[in-house]
Amino acid sequence: MTVDQFEALVQSQKPARTSWLPVTDYSFEARRVIEGQQPALIKECFQPKNALDYGCGAGYLVALLSEIGVRVKGYEPSESLREMVPPYVKWLVSSSTWDNAMNGRPDVYDLVICREVLEHLTVLDIRKTVHELCRISGQFVYVTTRFTQNWTMPHAILSVDTKDDLDPTHITMLNKDLLRLLFVLEGFKRRADLEERMDWQRKGRCLVYERA
């Protein structure tokens, strides 16, 4: 994709037409099985004193981390997803209280988690979200997302897939190097060692960045 083509895509891209809906069992117990080692790995690798799951959906990871002693909150901007939060998950930050929760200060959390969120956003909203993740992180940002199938091709840094065969709300799969550049431009550095440890399923979809 040329710069002109990339510009045209960015300027014309619209949010997903429908809200995300689970296509598999999305109960807490089902998610506990699927998450597997994830909560324990997060605790072991980052040893967070104060963590935030940004785009936490129904708050299941928040609950699982809390069970093992991690001090964590969740933030979910989607009203429809917040309605799915079970009543026992009481530590979520809503959009209306976001600014108050941040107390107007950056670097609030030493770990900010953002998993399976970015592919649901437009390119412009991904850029804004990366900035926000870095703004509120005092140390680490841990991201999982999906990437364009062409990301390993030479000179393909601007390649973007706008759909896949998995989910109609997956509207932006960036080139992995382009997403990395967004974190670099926020003054963060890659932690390849932590990426390898977090990628226990070996899918190549984990990014870990640390405030430089």
N, C-alpha and C. Protein backbone atom coordinates (compact mmCIF):
# COMPACT_ATOMS: atom_id res chain seq x y z
N MET A 1 0.84 -1.19 0.00
CA MET A 1 0.00 0.00 0.00
C MET A 1 0.88 1.24 0.00
N THR A 2 0.57 2.19 -0.88
CA THR A 2 1.31 3.44 -0.91
C THR A 2 0.79 4.36 0.18
N VAL A 3 1.53 5.44 0.43
CA VAL A 3 1.09 6.41 1.42
C VAL A 3 -0.25 7.01 1.02
N ASP A 4 -0.43 7.29 -0.26
CA ASP A 4 -1.71 7.85 -0.72
C ASP A 4 -2.86 6.88 -0.47
N GLN A 5 -2.63 5.60 -0.73
CA GLN A 5 -3.67 4.59 -0.49
C GLN A 5 -3.97 4.47 1.01
N PHE A 6 -2.91 4.52 1.81
CA PHE A 6 -3.10 4.46 3.26
C PHE A 6 -3.89 5.66 3.75
N GLU A 7 -3.58 6.84 3.24
CA GLU A 7 -4.31 8.04 3.62
C GLU A 7 -5.78 7.92 3.26
N ALA A 8 -6.07 7.43 2.07
CA ALA A 8 -7.46 7.27 1.64
C ALA A 8 -8.22 6.31 2.55
N LEU A 9 -7.55 5.22 2.93
CA LEU A 9 -8.17 4.25 3.83
C LEU A 9 -8.48 4.89 5.19
N VAL A 10 -7.49 5.57 5.75
CA VAL A 10 -7.66 6.18 7.07
C VAL A 10 -8.79 7.19 7.07
N GLN A 11 -8.84 8.02 6.02
CA GLN A 11 -9.85 9.07 5.96
C GLN A 11 -11.26 8.54 5.71
N SER A 12 -11.36 7.38 5.09
CA SER A 12 -12.69 6.85 4.74
C SER A 12 -13.19 5.80 5.73
N GLN A 13 -12.32 5.31 6.60
CA GLN A 13 -12.70 4.18 7.46
C GLN A 13 -13.75 4.59 8.49
N LYS A 14 -14.74 3.74 8.67
CA LYS A 14 -15.81 3.95 9.62
C LYS A 14 -15.76 2.87 10.70
N PRO A 15 -16.31 3.15 11.89
CA PRO A 15 -16.38 2.11 12.93
C PRO A 15 -17.20 0.92 12.46
N ALA A 16 -17.03 -0.20 13.15
CA ALA A 16 -17.80 -1.40 12.83
C ALA A 16 -19.30 -1.10 12.88
N ARG A 17 -20.05 -1.69 11.99
CA ARG A 17 -21.48 -1.40 11.90
C ARG A 17 -22.27 -2.01 13.05
N THR A 18 -21.76 -3.08 13.61
CA THR A 18 -22.48 -3.76 14.69
C THR A 18 -21.59 -3.86 15.92
N SER A 19 -22.19 -4.03 17.07
CA SER A 19 -21.43 -4.24 18.30
C SER A 19 -20.93 -5.68 18.35
N TRP A 20 -19.83 -5.87 19.07
CA TRP A 20 -19.27 -7.22 19.20
C TRP A 20 -20.21 -8.09 20.03
N LEU A 21 -20.38 -9.33 19.57
CA LEU A 21 -21.16 -10.31 20.30
C LEU A 21 -20.36 -11.61 20.35
N PRO A 22 -20.36 -12.31 21.49
CA PRO A 22 -19.62 -13.57 21.58
C PRO A 22 -20.24 -14.64 20.69
N VAL A 23 -19.39 -15.44 20.06
CA VAL A 23 -19.88 -16.52 19.19
C VAL A 23 -19.62 -17.88 19.82
N THR A 24 -18.96 -17.88 21.00
CA THR A 24 -18.73 -19.11 21.75
C THR A 24 -19.22 -18.90 23.18
N ASP A 25 -19.11 -19.93 23.98
CA ASP A 25 -19.50 -19.82 25.39
C ASP A 25 -18.67 -18.74 26.07
N TYR A 26 -19.34 -17.70 26.54
CA TYR A 26 -18.64 -16.57 27.14
C TYR A 26 -18.93 -16.48 28.64
N SER A 27 -19.26 -17.60 29.24
CA SER A 27 -19.46 -17.63 30.68
C SER A 27 -18.11 -17.50 31.39
N PHE A 28 -18.17 -17.13 32.67
CA PHE A 28 -16.95 -16.96 33.44
C PHE A 28 -16.15 -18.25 33.51
N GLU A 29 -16.82 -19.37 33.74
CA GLU A 29 -16.11 -20.64 33.86
C GLU A 29 -15.47 -21.06 32.53
N ALA A 30 -16.16 -20.78 31.42
CA ALA A 30 -15.58 -21.09 30.12
C ALA A 30 -14.34 -20.23 29.87
N ARG A 31 -14.42 -18.96 30.23
CA ARG A 31 -13.28 -18.08 30.04
C ARG A 31 -12.13 -18.45 30.97
N ARG A 32 -12.43 -18.95 32.15
CA ARG A 32 -11.38 -19.38 33.07
C ARG A 32 -10.52 -20.47 32.41
N VAL A 33 -11.17 -21.40 31.74
CA VAL A 33 -10.45 -22.47 31.05
C VAL A 33 -9.63 -21.91 29.90
N ILE A 34 -10.24 -21.04 29.10
CA ILE A 34 -9.57 -20.49 27.92
C ILE A 34 -8.37 -19.63 28.33
N GLU A 35 -8.53 -18.87 29.40
CA GLU A 35 -7.42 -18.00 29.84
C GLU A 35 -6.20 -18.82 30.26
N GLY A 36 -6.42 -20.00 30.79
CA GLY A 36 -5.30 -20.88 31.11
C GLY A 36 -4.26 -20.22 31.99
N GLN A 37 -3.03 -20.16 31.48
CA GLN A 37 -1.90 -19.63 32.25
C GLN A 37 -1.87 -18.11 32.32
N GLN A 38 -2.74 -17.44 31.57
CA GLN A 38 -2.63 -16.01 31.37
C GLN A 38 -2.56 -15.20 32.68
N PRO A 39 -3.50 -15.36 33.61
CA PRO A 39 -3.43 -14.55 34.82
C PRO A 39 -2.14 -14.75 35.61
N ALA A 40 -1.72 -16.00 35.78
CA ALA A 40 -0.51 -16.29 36.53
C ALA A 40 0.73 -15.72 35.83
N LEU A 41 0.76 -15.79 34.50
CA LEU A 41 1.88 -15.24 33.74
C LEU A 41 1.96 -13.72 33.90
N ILE A 42 0.81 -13.07 33.87
CA ILE A 42 0.79 -11.62 34.04
C ILE A 42 1.39 -11.25 35.40
N LYS A 43 0.97 -11.97 36.42
CA LYS A 43 1.48 -11.69 37.77
C LYS A 43 2.98 -11.97 37.85
N GLU A 44 3.41 -13.09 37.28
CA GLU A 44 4.81 -13.50 37.36
C GLU A 44 5.72 -12.55 36.57
N CYS A 45 5.31 -12.19 35.36
CA CYS A 45 6.18 -11.42 34.47
C CYS A 45 6.24 -9.95 34.84
N PHE A 46 5.11 -9.37 35.25
CA PHE A 46 5.07 -7.92 35.48
C PHE A 46 5.07 -7.54 36.96
N GLN A 47 4.66 -8.47 37.84
CA GLN A 47 4.59 -8.19 39.27
C GLN A 47 3.96 -6.82 39.54
N PRO A 48 2.76 -6.59 38.99
CA PRO A 48 2.17 -5.25 39.09
C PRO A 48 1.68 -4.93 40.49
N LYS A 49 1.87 -3.68 40.87
CA LYS A 49 1.30 -3.19 42.12
C LYS A 49 -0.08 -2.59 41.89
N ASN A 50 -0.32 -2.14 40.65
CA ASN A 50 -1.58 -1.47 40.32
C ASN A 50 -1.80 -1.61 38.82
N ALA A 51 -2.70 -2.48 38.41
CA ALA A 51 -2.88 -2.79 36.99
C ALA A 51 -4.25 -2.34 36.51
N LEU A 52 -4.35 -2.14 35.19
CA LEU A 52 -5.61 -1.80 34.55
C LEU A 52 -5.78 -2.64 33.30
N ASP A 53 -6.96 -3.25 33.14
CA ASP A 53 -7.31 -3.96 31.91
C ASP A 53 -8.16 -3.00 31.09
N TYR A 54 -7.58 -2.45 30.02
CA TYR A 54 -8.23 -1.44 29.18
C TYR A 54 -8.98 -2.14 28.05
N GLY A 55 -10.30 -1.97 28.05
CA GLY A 55 -11.14 -2.72 27.11
C GLY A 55 -11.39 -4.10 27.67
N CYS A 56 -11.86 -4.16 28.92
CA CYS A 56 -11.91 -5.43 29.66
C CYS A 56 -13.14 -6.26 29.37
N GLY A 57 -14.06 -5.79 28.51
CA GLY A 57 -15.24 -6.58 28.20
C GLY A 57 -16.08 -6.82 29.44
N ALA A 58 -16.37 -8.08 29.71
CA ALA A 58 -17.19 -8.43 30.87
C ALA A 58 -16.39 -8.50 32.17
N GLY A 59 -15.11 -8.19 32.12
CA GLY A 59 -14.32 -8.10 33.34
C GLY A 59 -13.79 -9.42 33.86
N TYR A 60 -13.78 -10.46 33.02
CA TYR A 60 -13.38 -11.77 33.52
C TYR A 60 -11.89 -11.82 33.88
N LEU A 61 -11.03 -11.21 33.06
CA LEU A 61 -9.61 -11.22 33.40
C LEU A 61 -9.38 -10.43 34.68
N VAL A 62 -10.12 -9.34 34.87
CA VAL A 62 -10.02 -8.57 36.10
C VAL A 62 -10.33 -9.47 37.30
N ALA A 63 -11.39 -10.25 37.18
CA ALA A 63 -11.77 -11.16 38.27
C ALA A 63 -10.71 -12.22 38.51
N LEU A 64 -10.17 -12.79 37.44
CA LEU A 64 -9.16 -13.85 37.59
C LEU A 64 -7.87 -13.31 38.20
N LEU A 65 -7.47 -12.11 37.81
CA LEU A 65 -6.27 -11.52 38.40
C LEU A 65 -6.50 -11.18 39.87
N SER A 66 -7.68 -10.70 40.17
CA SER A 66 -7.98 -10.38 41.57
C SER A 66 -7.94 -11.61 42.45
N GLU A 67 -8.36 -12.76 41.89
CA GLU A 67 -8.35 -14.01 42.66
C GLU A 67 -6.95 -14.40 43.12
N ILE A 68 -5.93 -14.01 42.34
CA ILE A 68 -4.56 -14.40 42.69
C ILE A 68 -3.78 -13.24 43.30
N GLY A 69 -4.52 -12.23 43.78
CA GLY A 69 -3.90 -11.19 44.57
C GLY A 69 -3.37 -9.99 43.82
N VAL A 70 -3.73 -9.84 42.53
CA VAL A 70 -3.29 -8.67 41.78
C VAL A 70 -4.28 -7.53 42.02
N ARG A 71 -3.77 -6.38 42.34
CA ARG A 71 -4.61 -5.19 42.48
C ARG A 71 -4.89 -4.65 41.08
N VAL A 72 -6.13 -4.76 40.62
CA VAL A 72 -6.43 -4.47 39.22
C VAL A 72 -7.83 -3.88 39.10
N LYS A 73 -7.96 -2.99 38.13
CA LYS A 73 -9.26 -2.45 37.75
C LYS A 73 -9.47 -2.71 36.26
N GLY A 74 -10.71 -2.57 35.82
CA GLY A 74 -11.03 -2.73 34.42
C GLY A 74 -11.71 -1.50 33.88
N TYR A 75 -11.46 -1.22 32.60
CA TYR A 75 -12.13 -0.11 31.91
C TYR A 75 -12.73 -0.64 30.62
N GLU A 76 -14.02 -0.40 30.43
CA GLU A 76 -14.69 -0.84 29.21
C GLU A 76 -15.53 0.31 28.66
N PRO A 77 -15.12 0.90 27.53
CA PRO A 77 -15.87 2.03 26.98
C PRO A 77 -17.20 1.67 26.34
N SER A 78 -17.39 0.40 25.97
CA SER A 78 -18.61 -0.02 25.29
C SER A 78 -19.73 -0.25 26.29
N GLU A 79 -20.82 0.49 26.14
CA GLU A 79 -21.95 0.34 27.04
C GLU A 79 -22.55 -1.05 26.94
N SER A 80 -22.65 -1.60 25.72
CA SER A 80 -23.26 -2.92 25.55
C SER A 80 -22.43 -4.00 26.23
N LEU A 81 -21.10 -3.86 26.20
CA LEU A 81 -20.25 -4.83 26.88
C LEU A 81 -20.30 -4.66 28.39
N ARG A 82 -20.40 -3.42 28.86
CA ARG A 82 -20.52 -3.21 30.31
C ARG A 82 -21.77 -3.87 30.87
N GLU A 83 -22.81 -3.97 30.04
CA GLU A 83 -24.04 -4.61 30.50
C GLU A 83 -23.86 -6.11 30.72
N MET A 84 -22.78 -6.70 30.14
CA MET A 84 -22.52 -8.12 30.30
C MET A 84 -21.75 -8.42 31.58
N VAL A 85 -21.27 -7.39 32.26
CA VAL A 85 -20.44 -7.61 33.44
C VAL A 85 -21.28 -8.25 34.54
N PRO A 86 -20.85 -9.40 35.07
CA PRO A 86 -21.61 -10.05 36.15
C PRO A 86 -21.60 -9.21 37.41
N PRO A 87 -22.58 -9.37 38.26
CA PRO A 87 -22.71 -8.50 39.44
C PRO A 87 -21.56 -8.61 40.43
N TYR A 88 -20.81 -9.73 40.40
CA TYR A 88 -19.72 -9.86 41.35
C TYR A 88 -18.47 -9.11 40.92
N VAL A 89 -18.45 -8.58 39.70
CA VAL A 89 -17.32 -7.78 39.23
C VAL A 89 -17.67 -6.32 39.51
N LYS A 90 -17.11 -5.76 40.55
CA LYS A 90 -17.53 -4.45 41.04
C LYS A 90 -16.44 -3.39 40.92
N TRP A 91 -15.35 -3.69 40.25
CA TRP A 91 -14.23 -2.76 40.26
C TRP A 91 -13.95 -2.20 38.86
N LEU A 92 -15.01 -2.01 38.09
CA LEU A 92 -14.83 -1.48 36.75
C LEU A 92 -14.91 0.05 36.75
N VAL A 93 -14.13 0.65 35.85
CA VAL A 93 -14.16 2.08 35.63
C VAL A 93 -14.98 2.34 34.38
N SER A 94 -16.04 3.12 34.49
CA SER A 94 -16.88 3.42 33.33
C SER A 94 -16.35 4.65 32.59
N SER A 95 -16.86 4.88 31.39
CA SER A 95 -16.42 6.04 30.63
C SER A 95 -16.73 7.33 31.37
N SER A 96 -17.87 7.38 32.04
CA SER A 96 -18.27 8.62 32.71
C SER A 96 -17.37 8.95 33.89
N THR A 97 -16.71 7.95 34.45
CA THR A 97 -15.83 8.20 35.60
C THR A 97 -14.35 8.07 35.24
N TRP A 98 -14.05 7.94 33.95
CA TRP A 98 -12.68 7.71 33.51
C TRP A 98 -11.73 8.82 33.97
N ASP A 99 -12.10 10.08 33.69
CA ASP A 99 -11.22 11.19 34.04
C ASP A 99 -11.03 11.29 35.55
N ASN A 100 -12.12 11.07 36.30
CA ASN A 100 -11.99 11.11 37.75
C ASN A 100 -11.10 9.99 38.26
N ALA A 101 -11.24 8.81 37.64
CA ALA A 101 -10.42 7.67 38.06
C ALA A 101 -8.94 7.94 37.82
N MET A 102 -8.63 8.70 36.77
CA MET A 102 -7.25 9.02 36.47
C MET A 102 -6.73 10.16 37.33
N ASN A 103 -7.66 10.87 37.99
CA ASN A 103 -7.29 12.01 38.84
C ASN A 103 -6.49 13.06 38.08
N GLY A 104 -6.70 13.09 36.75
CA GLY A 104 -6.02 14.09 35.95
C GLY A 104 -4.53 13.85 35.81
N ARG A 105 -4.03 12.69 36.25
CA ARG A 105 -2.60 12.44 36.25
C ARG A 105 -2.23 11.32 35.27
N PRO A 106 -1.11 11.44 34.59
CA PRO A 106 -0.60 10.31 33.81
C PRO A 106 0.09 9.30 34.72
N ASP A 107 0.57 8.23 34.15
CA ASP A 107 1.39 7.23 34.87
C ASP A 107 0.66 6.65 36.08
N VAL A 108 -0.64 6.41 35.95
CA VAL A 108 -1.42 5.97 37.10
C VAL A 108 -1.18 4.51 37.41
N TYR A 109 -1.00 3.68 36.39
CA TYR A 109 -0.86 2.23 36.57
C TYR A 109 0.53 1.78 36.14
N ASP A 110 1.12 0.82 36.87
CA ASP A 110 2.43 0.32 36.45
C ASP A 110 2.29 -0.74 35.37
N LEU A 111 1.07 -1.27 35.16
CA LEU A 111 0.81 -2.19 34.06
C LEU A 111 -0.56 -1.86 33.47
N VAL A 112 -0.57 -1.63 32.16
CA VAL A 112 -1.82 -1.45 31.43
C VAL A 112 -1.93 -2.59 30.42
N ILE A 113 -3.03 -3.34 30.51
CA ILE A 113 -3.29 -4.49 29.66
C ILE A 113 -4.32 -4.09 28.62
N CYS A 114 -4.12 -4.49 27.37
CA CYS A 114 -5.10 -4.21 26.32
C CYS A 114 -5.10 -5.41 25.37
N ARG A 115 -6.04 -6.32 25.59
CA ARG A 115 -6.05 -7.56 24.83
C ARG A 115 -7.28 -7.65 23.93
N GLU A 116 -7.02 -7.97 22.67
CA GLU A 116 -8.08 -8.22 21.69
C GLU A 116 -9.04 -7.04 21.59
N VAL A 117 -8.47 -5.85 21.54
CA VAL A 117 -9.25 -4.62 21.45
C VAL A 117 -8.97 -3.87 20.15
N LEU A 118 -7.69 -3.70 19.81
CA LEU A 118 -7.30 -2.79 18.74
C LEU A 118 -7.89 -3.17 17.39
N GLU A 119 -8.06 -4.47 17.14
CA GLU A 119 -8.60 -4.89 15.83
C GLU A 119 -10.05 -4.46 15.63
N HIS A 120 -10.71 -4.03 16.70
CA HIS A 120 -12.10 -3.57 16.61
C HIS A 120 -12.20 -2.07 16.35
N LEU A 121 -11.06 -1.38 16.25
CA LEU A 121 -11.04 0.07 16.12
C LEU A 121 -10.59 0.50 14.73
N THR A 122 -10.88 1.74 14.38
CA THR A 122 -10.33 2.30 13.15
C THR A 122 -8.84 2.59 13.35
N VAL A 123 -8.14 2.84 12.25
CA VAL A 123 -6.71 3.16 12.34
C VAL A 123 -6.50 4.39 13.22
N LEU A 124 -7.31 5.42 13.01
CA LEU A 124 -7.16 6.64 13.80
C LEU A 124 -7.42 6.39 15.28
N ASP A 125 -8.42 5.56 15.58
CA ASP A 125 -8.71 5.26 16.98
C ASP A 125 -7.63 4.39 17.61
N ILE A 126 -6.97 3.55 16.81
CA ILE A 126 -5.84 2.78 17.34
C ILE A 126 -4.73 3.72 17.76
N ARG A 127 -4.43 4.71 16.91
CA ARG A 127 -3.39 5.68 17.26
C ARG A 127 -3.73 6.39 18.57
N LYS A 128 -4.98 6.82 18.70
CA LYS A 128 -5.40 7.51 19.93
C LYS A 128 -5.33 6.58 21.14
N THR A 129 -5.70 5.32 20.93
CA THR A 129 -5.70 4.37 22.05
C THR A 129 -4.28 4.06 22.50
N VAL A 130 -3.35 3.90 21.57
CA VAL A 130 -1.96 3.66 21.94
C VAL A 130 -1.44 4.83 22.77
N HIS A 131 -1.76 6.04 22.36
CA HIS A 131 -1.36 7.22 23.14
C HIS A 131 -1.92 7.15 24.55
N GLU A 132 -3.19 6.78 24.68
CA GLU A 132 -3.83 6.72 25.99
C GLU A 132 -3.23 5.61 26.85
N LEU A 133 -2.97 4.44 26.25
CA LEU A 133 -2.35 3.35 26.99
C LEU A 133 -1.01 3.78 27.58
N CYS A 134 -0.24 4.48 26.77
CA CYS A 134 1.08 4.92 27.22
C CYS A 134 0.97 6.06 28.22
N ARG A 135 -0.01 6.93 28.05
CA ARG A 135 -0.19 8.06 28.96
C ARG A 135 -0.45 7.60 30.38
N ILE A 136 -1.26 6.56 30.54
CA ILE A 136 -1.65 6.14 31.88
C ILE A 136 -0.74 5.07 32.47
N SER A 137 0.24 4.60 31.67
CA SER A 137 1.14 3.56 32.17
C SER A 137 2.42 4.17 32.72
N GLY A 138 2.73 3.80 33.96
CA GLY A 138 3.98 4.23 34.54
C GLY A 138 5.15 3.35 34.16
N GLN A 139 4.85 2.13 33.66
CA GLN A 139 5.95 1.23 33.31
C GLN A 139 5.64 0.38 32.09
N PHE A 140 4.69 -0.58 32.19
CA PHE A 140 4.48 -1.55 31.12
C PHE A 140 3.14 -1.36 30.43
N VAL A 141 3.14 -1.66 29.13
CA VAL A 141 1.91 -1.85 28.36
C VAL A 141 1.99 -3.23 27.71
N TYR A 142 0.98 -4.05 27.93
CA TYR A 142 0.93 -5.40 27.37
C TYR A 142 -0.28 -5.49 26.45
N VAL A 143 -0.05 -5.81 25.18
CA VAL A 143 -1.09 -5.81 24.15
C VAL A 143 -1.12 -7.14 23.44
N THR A 144 -2.32 -7.64 23.17
CA THR A 144 -2.48 -8.69 22.16
C THR A 144 -3.50 -8.19 21.15
N THR A 145 -3.25 -8.48 19.89
CA THR A 145 -4.18 -8.08 18.83
C THR A 145 -3.90 -8.96 17.62
N ARG A 146 -4.59 -8.66 16.54
CA ARG A 146 -4.41 -9.40 15.29
C ARG A 146 -3.76 -8.50 14.26
N PHE A 147 -2.97 -9.11 13.37
CA PHE A 147 -2.20 -8.34 12.40
C PHE A 147 -2.54 -8.74 10.98
N THR A 148 -2.22 -7.83 10.04
CA THR A 148 -2.41 -8.15 8.63
C THR A 148 -1.63 -9.40 8.26
N GLN A 149 -2.18 -10.17 7.37
CA GLN A 149 -1.49 -11.38 6.93
C GLN A 149 -0.24 -11.06 6.15
N ASN A 150 -0.11 -9.81 5.69
CA ASN A 150 1.04 -9.41 4.87
C ASN A 150 2.15 -8.75 5.67
N TRP A 151 2.09 -8.84 7.01
CA TRP A 151 2.98 -8.00 7.80
C TRP A 151 4.46 -8.37 7.65
N THR A 152 4.77 -9.59 7.23
CA THR A 152 6.18 -9.98 7.09
C THR A 152 6.74 -9.66 5.71
N MET A 153 5.91 -9.18 4.79
CA MET A 153 6.39 -8.89 3.44
C MET A 153 7.25 -7.62 3.44
N PRO A 154 8.31 -7.58 2.63
CA PRO A 154 9.14 -6.38 2.56
C PRO A 154 8.32 -5.16 2.13
N HIS A 155 8.63 -4.02 2.70
CA HIS A 155 8.01 -2.74 2.32
C HIS A 155 6.50 -2.75 2.50
N ALA A 156 6.01 -3.54 3.45
CA ALA A 156 4.56 -3.65 3.62
C ALA A 156 4.09 -3.00 4.91
N ILE A 157 4.85 -2.04 5.42
CA ILE A 157 4.53 -1.49 6.74
C ILE A 157 3.17 -0.83 6.77
N LEU A 158 2.68 -0.36 5.64
CA LEU A 158 1.37 0.30 5.60
C LEU A 158 0.23 -0.67 5.27
N SER A 159 0.52 -1.95 5.16
CA SER A 159 -0.53 -2.92 4.86
C SER A 159 -1.53 -2.99 6.00
N VAL A 160 -2.81 -2.98 5.65
CA VAL A 160 -3.88 -3.08 6.64
C VAL A 160 -4.95 -4.02 6.08
N ASP A 161 -5.35 -5.00 6.87
CA ASP A 161 -6.51 -5.82 6.53
C ASP A 161 -7.72 -5.23 7.24
N THR A 162 -8.82 -5.07 6.52
CA THR A 162 -10.01 -4.47 7.10
C THR A 162 -11.12 -5.49 7.36
N LYS A 163 -10.81 -6.76 7.18
CA LYS A 163 -11.77 -7.81 7.51
C LYS A 163 -11.02 -9.13 7.60
N ASP A 164 -11.64 -10.07 8.30
CA ASP A 164 -11.12 -11.43 8.34
C ASP A 164 -12.29 -12.40 8.37
N ASP A 165 -11.99 -13.67 8.52
CA ASP A 165 -13.04 -14.69 8.51
C ASP A 165 -13.53 -15.04 9.91
N LEU A 166 -13.12 -14.24 10.90
CA LEU A 166 -13.44 -14.59 12.28
C LEU A 166 -14.59 -13.77 12.86
N ASP A 167 -14.59 -12.47 12.59
CA ASP A 167 -15.49 -11.58 13.32
C ASP A 167 -15.75 -10.34 12.47
N PRO A 168 -17.01 -9.99 12.21
CA PRO A 168 -17.30 -8.80 11.40
C PRO A 168 -16.88 -7.49 12.05
N THR A 169 -16.61 -7.51 13.37
CA THR A 169 -16.16 -6.28 14.02
C THR A 169 -14.63 -6.16 14.03
N HIS A 170 -13.94 -7.11 13.43
CA HIS A 170 -12.49 -6.98 13.22
C HIS A 170 -12.29 -6.14 11.96
N ILE A 171 -12.07 -4.85 12.14
CA ILE A 171 -12.03 -3.94 10.99
C ILE A 171 -10.64 -3.39 10.70
N THR A 172 -9.67 -3.63 11.59
CA THR A 172 -8.32 -3.11 11.36
C THR A 172 -7.29 -4.07 11.89
N MET A 173 -6.61 -4.75 10.98
CA MET A 173 -5.46 -5.56 11.34
C MET A 173 -4.23 -4.88 10.74
N LEU A 174 -3.49 -4.18 11.59
CA LEU A 174 -2.34 -3.41 11.14
C LEU A 174 -1.14 -4.31 10.84
N ASN A 175 -0.17 -3.75 10.15
CA ASN A 175 1.14 -4.35 10.09
C ASN A 175 1.75 -4.29 11.49
N LYS A 176 2.35 -5.37 11.95
CA LYS A 176 2.89 -5.40 13.31
C LYS A 176 3.94 -4.31 13.52
N ASP A 177 4.78 -4.07 12.53
CA ASP A 177 5.83 -3.06 12.69
C ASP A 177 5.23 -1.66 12.80
N LEU A 178 4.12 -1.40 12.13
CA LEU A 178 3.48 -0.10 12.25
C LEU A 178 2.95 0.11 13.67
N LEU A 179 2.34 -0.93 14.24
CA LEU A 179 1.88 -0.81 15.62
C LEU A 179 3.06 -0.60 16.57
N ARG A 180 4.15 -1.30 16.31
CA ARG A 180 5.34 -1.10 17.14
C ARG A 180 5.82 0.35 17.06
N LEU A 181 5.80 0.92 15.86
CA LEU A 181 6.24 2.30 15.69
C LEU A 181 5.40 3.27 16.52
N LEU A 182 4.11 3.00 16.63
CA LEU A 182 3.25 3.88 17.42
C LEU A 182 3.70 3.92 18.88
N PHE A 183 4.12 2.77 19.41
CA PHE A 183 4.63 2.74 20.79
C PHE A 183 5.99 3.42 20.89
N VAL A 184 6.86 3.21 19.90
CA VAL A 184 8.16 3.86 19.91
C VAL A 184 8.00 5.38 19.92
N LEU A 185 7.04 5.88 19.14
CA LEU A 185 6.82 7.33 19.06
C LEU A 185 6.21 7.90 20.33
N GLU A 186 5.73 7.03 21.21
CA GLU A 186 5.27 7.47 22.53
C GLU A 186 6.39 7.43 23.56
N GLY A 187 7.60 7.07 23.10
CA GLY A 187 8.74 7.04 24.01
C GLY A 187 8.89 5.74 24.77
N PHE A 188 8.27 4.66 24.26
CA PHE A 188 8.36 3.36 24.91
C PHE A 188 9.33 2.46 24.15
N LYS A 189 9.89 1.49 24.86
CA LYS A 189 10.85 0.56 24.26
C LYS A 189 10.31 -0.86 24.36
N ARG A 190 10.65 -1.65 23.37
CA ARG A 190 10.18 -3.03 23.31
C ARG A 190 10.86 -3.90 24.35
N ARG A 191 10.09 -4.81 24.96
CA ARG A 191 10.64 -5.83 25.85
C ARG A 191 10.41 -7.19 25.21
N ALA A 192 11.33 -7.56 24.32
CA ALA A 192 11.20 -8.82 23.59
C ALA A 192 11.23 -10.02 24.53
N ASP A 193 11.97 -9.91 25.64
CA ASP A 193 12.04 -11.02 26.58
C ASP A 193 10.68 -11.29 27.22
N LEU A 194 9.95 -10.23 27.56
CA LEU A 194 8.63 -10.41 28.16
C LEU A 194 7.59 -10.83 27.12
N GLU A 195 7.76 -10.37 25.90
CA GLU A 195 6.87 -10.84 24.83
C GLU A 195 6.96 -12.35 24.67
N GLU A 196 8.18 -12.86 24.69
CA GLU A 196 8.37 -14.31 24.54
C GLU A 196 7.74 -15.07 25.70
N ARG A 197 7.88 -14.55 26.90
CA ARG A 197 7.31 -15.23 28.07
C ARG A 197 5.79 -15.19 28.06
N MET A 198 5.22 -14.06 27.63
CA MET A 198 3.77 -13.94 27.61
C MET A 198 3.13 -14.73 26.48
N ASP A 199 3.87 -14.99 25.42
CA ASP A 199 3.31 -15.69 24.25
C ASP A 199 3.37 -17.19 24.47
N TRP A 200 2.69 -17.66 25.50
CA TRP A 200 2.74 -19.08 25.87
C TRP A 200 2.06 -19.97 24.84
N GLN A 201 1.18 -19.39 24.02
CA GLN A 201 0.52 -20.17 22.96
C GLN A 201 1.27 -20.08 21.64
N ARG A 202 2.33 -19.31 21.60
CA ARG A 202 3.19 -19.16 20.42
C ARG A 202 2.40 -18.73 19.17
N LYS A 203 1.58 -17.70 19.35
CA LYS A 203 0.80 -17.16 18.24
C LYS A 203 1.43 -15.91 17.62
N GLY A 204 2.46 -15.38 18.25
CA GLY A 204 3.13 -14.21 17.71
C GLY A 204 2.30 -12.95 17.76
N ARG A 205 1.41 -12.88 18.75
CA ARG A 205 0.49 -11.74 18.79
C ARG A 205 0.64 -10.90 20.05
N CYS A 206 1.70 -11.12 20.81
CA CYS A 206 1.90 -10.38 22.06
C CYS A 206 2.92 -9.25 21.85
N LEU A 207 2.59 -8.07 22.31
CA LEU A 207 3.51 -6.94 22.34
C LEU A 207 3.64 -6.46 23.78
N VAL A 208 4.88 -6.22 24.20
CA VAL A 208 5.13 -5.65 25.52
C VAL A 208 6.07 -4.47 25.35
N TYR A 209 5.65 -3.32 25.87
CA TYR A 209 6.47 -2.11 25.80
C TYR A 209 6.62 -1.52 27.19
N GLU A 210 7.78 -0.90 27.43
CA GLU A 210 8.10 -0.32 28.73
C GLU A 210 8.48 1.14 28.55
N ARG A 211 8.03 1.96 29.50
CA ARG A 211 8.39 3.37 29.45
C ARG A 211 9.90 3.50 29.52
N ALA A 212 10.47 4.23 28.58
CA ALA A 212 11.94 4.36 28.50
C ALA A 212 12.45 5.36 29.55
